[in-house]
Protein backbone atom coordinates (compact mmCIF):
# COMPACT_ATOMS: atom_id res chain seq x y z
CA UNK A 1 0.02 -45.03 56.17
CA UNK A 2 2.10 -45.22 52.98
CA UNK A 3 3.79 -48.54 52.37
CA UNK A 4 6.80 -46.87 50.73
CA UNK A 5 7.97 -43.48 49.52
CA UNK A 6 9.09 -42.24 46.12
CA UNK A 7 10.89 -39.10 45.14
CA UNK A 8 9.54 -37.22 42.15
CA UNK A 9 12.72 -38.19 40.31
CA UNK A 10 12.21 -41.90 40.98
CA UNK A 11 8.56 -41.80 39.92
CA UNK A 12 9.29 -40.33 36.48
CA UNK A 13 8.05 -42.50 33.58
CA UNK A 14 5.94 -44.62 35.94
CA UNK A 15 2.19 -44.84 36.42
CA UNK A 16 1.16 -45.34 40.02
CA UNK A 17 -2.15 -46.93 41.03
CA UNK A 18 -2.60 -44.31 43.78
CA UNK A 19 -0.54 -41.66 45.53
CA UNK A 20 -0.37 -39.47 48.60
CA UNK A 21 1.46 -36.31 47.55
CA UNK A 22 2.98 -33.52 49.63
CA UNK A 23 2.72 -30.24 47.71
CA UNK A 24 4.54 -28.17 50.33
CA UNK A 25 8.03 -27.47 48.97
CA UNK A 26 10.90 -28.37 51.29
CA UNK A 27 12.56 -25.32 52.90
CA UNK A 28 15.73 -25.76 50.80
CA UNK A 29 13.81 -25.78 47.49
CA UNK A 30 13.92 -22.64 45.37
CA UNK A 31 10.45 -22.90 43.85
CA UNK A 32 10.36 -20.65 40.79
CA UNK A 33 7.79 -22.66 38.84
CA UNK A 34 5.34 -25.50 39.31
CA UNK A 35 7.53 -28.22 37.80
CA UNK A 36 8.28 -29.72 41.23
CA UNK A 37 4.58 -30.62 41.52
CA UNK A 38 3.99 -31.72 37.92
CA UNK A 39 5.77 -35.07 38.06
CA UNK A 40 4.06 -36.48 41.16
CA UNK A 41 0.66 -35.15 40.08
CA UNK A 42 1.01 -36.66 36.62
CA UNK A 43 1.89 -40.17 37.83
CA UNK A 44 -1.70 -41.22 38.56
CA UNK A 45 -4.51 -41.78 36.06
CA UNK A 46 -7.49 -40.49 38.00
CA UNK A 47 -7.90 -37.81 40.64
CA UNK A 48 -9.87 -40.23 42.83
CA UNK A 49 -6.58 -42.12 43.29
CA UNK A 50 -4.86 -39.01 44.66
CA UNK A 51 -4.63 -37.75 48.23
CA UNK A 52 -2.92 -34.48 49.14
CA UNK A 53 -0.96 -34.97 52.36
CA UNK A 54 -1.51 -31.51 53.87
CA UNK A 55 -2.75 -28.02 53.12
CA UNK A 56 -0.52 -26.11 50.72
CA UNK A 57 -0.24 -22.66 49.20
CA UNK A 58 -2.08 -22.81 45.86
CA UNK A 59 0.29 -20.19 44.42
CA UNK A 60 2.98 -22.89 44.07
CA UNK A 61 0.87 -24.32 41.23
CA UNK A 62 0.25 -20.95 39.61
CA UNK A 63 3.83 -19.90 38.89
CA UNK A 64 4.77 -18.63 35.44
CA UNK A 65 6.76 -21.03 33.32
CA UNK A 66 10.45 -20.18 33.16
CA UNK A 67 12.08 -19.08 29.91
CA UNK A 68 13.82 -22.45 29.78
CA UNK A 69 10.48 -24.28 29.99
CA UNK A 70 8.99 -22.01 27.34
CA UNK A 71 11.93 -22.80 25.04
CA UNK A 72 11.40 -26.54 25.65
CA UNK A 73 7.71 -26.18 24.79
CA UNK A 74 8.62 -24.58 21.46
CA UNK A 75 11.19 -27.31 20.75
CA UNK A 76 8.65 -30.05 21.48
CA UNK A 77 6.02 -28.33 19.33
CA UNK A 78 8.46 -28.36 16.40
CA UNK A 79 9.23 -32.05 16.96
CA UNK A 80 5.53 -32.91 16.94
CA UNK A 81 5.00 -31.17 13.62
CA UNK A 82 7.89 -32.76 11.72
């Protein structure tokens, strides 16, 4: 049983020692890409410290990146090369 809960927003910029993550989008979420799953999945250091709460549709992790995300990738690539 989890001792406390975090939203993906609250967990940004933190490293968690372990996590139980629900990868089923809430009914009100308009999932057009996989960014909703990226933050919670990237908060732990090792996959052995991760537990997935319940079965989920793998296609939510296989969405194409939006044009906005693609533009951000290009912007970051330029910043890295300066």
